Amino acid sequence: MTLLTAALLTASALIAALTRRYDDLRKAYADQRMRLALPYPGLLLPTIGVAMAEGDSVNIGRMTDSTGKQLIFVFTTTCRFCKATVPLWRELADSIRFLKGGQVQVVGLSLDSPEATHLFGATFDLDFPVGVLPPGKDRQLLRAVMVPQTLVLDHEGRVMFARTGVFSSQSAIDSVYQALAWTPDRRPERKEP
């Protein structure tokens, strides 16, 4: 082996190692950017009061019952991915009420106007409380920048489950049940369309 061949092999190995390191750093940077922008498991959210369409208000991120949890759906009325996720959200809300009684509070949060939100709720027959999250600080604190979002919060406001995007698979549903600490034999069967 000549000296030139050895140098070329060494340079090739160094380039391959640097390329792998660059890819790792790029992925870590992208993950950090997402952690800054979106909710993630373990994040402690502040308590935010949200006015519901029915006239009452709900504290997002805080429950008086130490065993209570909140299942939060964040959406916009014009998002086609939100519309595609609504049937599964309704099914989740129904099954949770059936299995957990009052320990899980289900809340929808719209990023649109009260009028558009009311029409959306009526169109999709949402039977859980829906409120409007006004633009500004509260949206930033909840990291409601991308929709649809599905969140499970514990009684202190700690994120136990977070998913941004269409919610359509059985594994996603099972992840919500797991975050709510249900055993597989207690979860309802999913009805296929």
Foldseek 3Di string as FASTA:
>chain_A
DDPVVVVVVVVVVVVVVVVVVVVVVVVVVVVVVCVLQAADFFDQFDWDWFQWLVGRIDTAQADPDQLAKEKEWEEELPDPLSVLQLVVLQVLVVQCCVQPPPRYAYEYEYQDDSVSVVVSCVVSVRPHIYTYDYDDDNCSRNSVPADGKIFMAGNRRGTLDIDHTHDDDPVSVVSVCVSSVDDPVRGDDDDDD
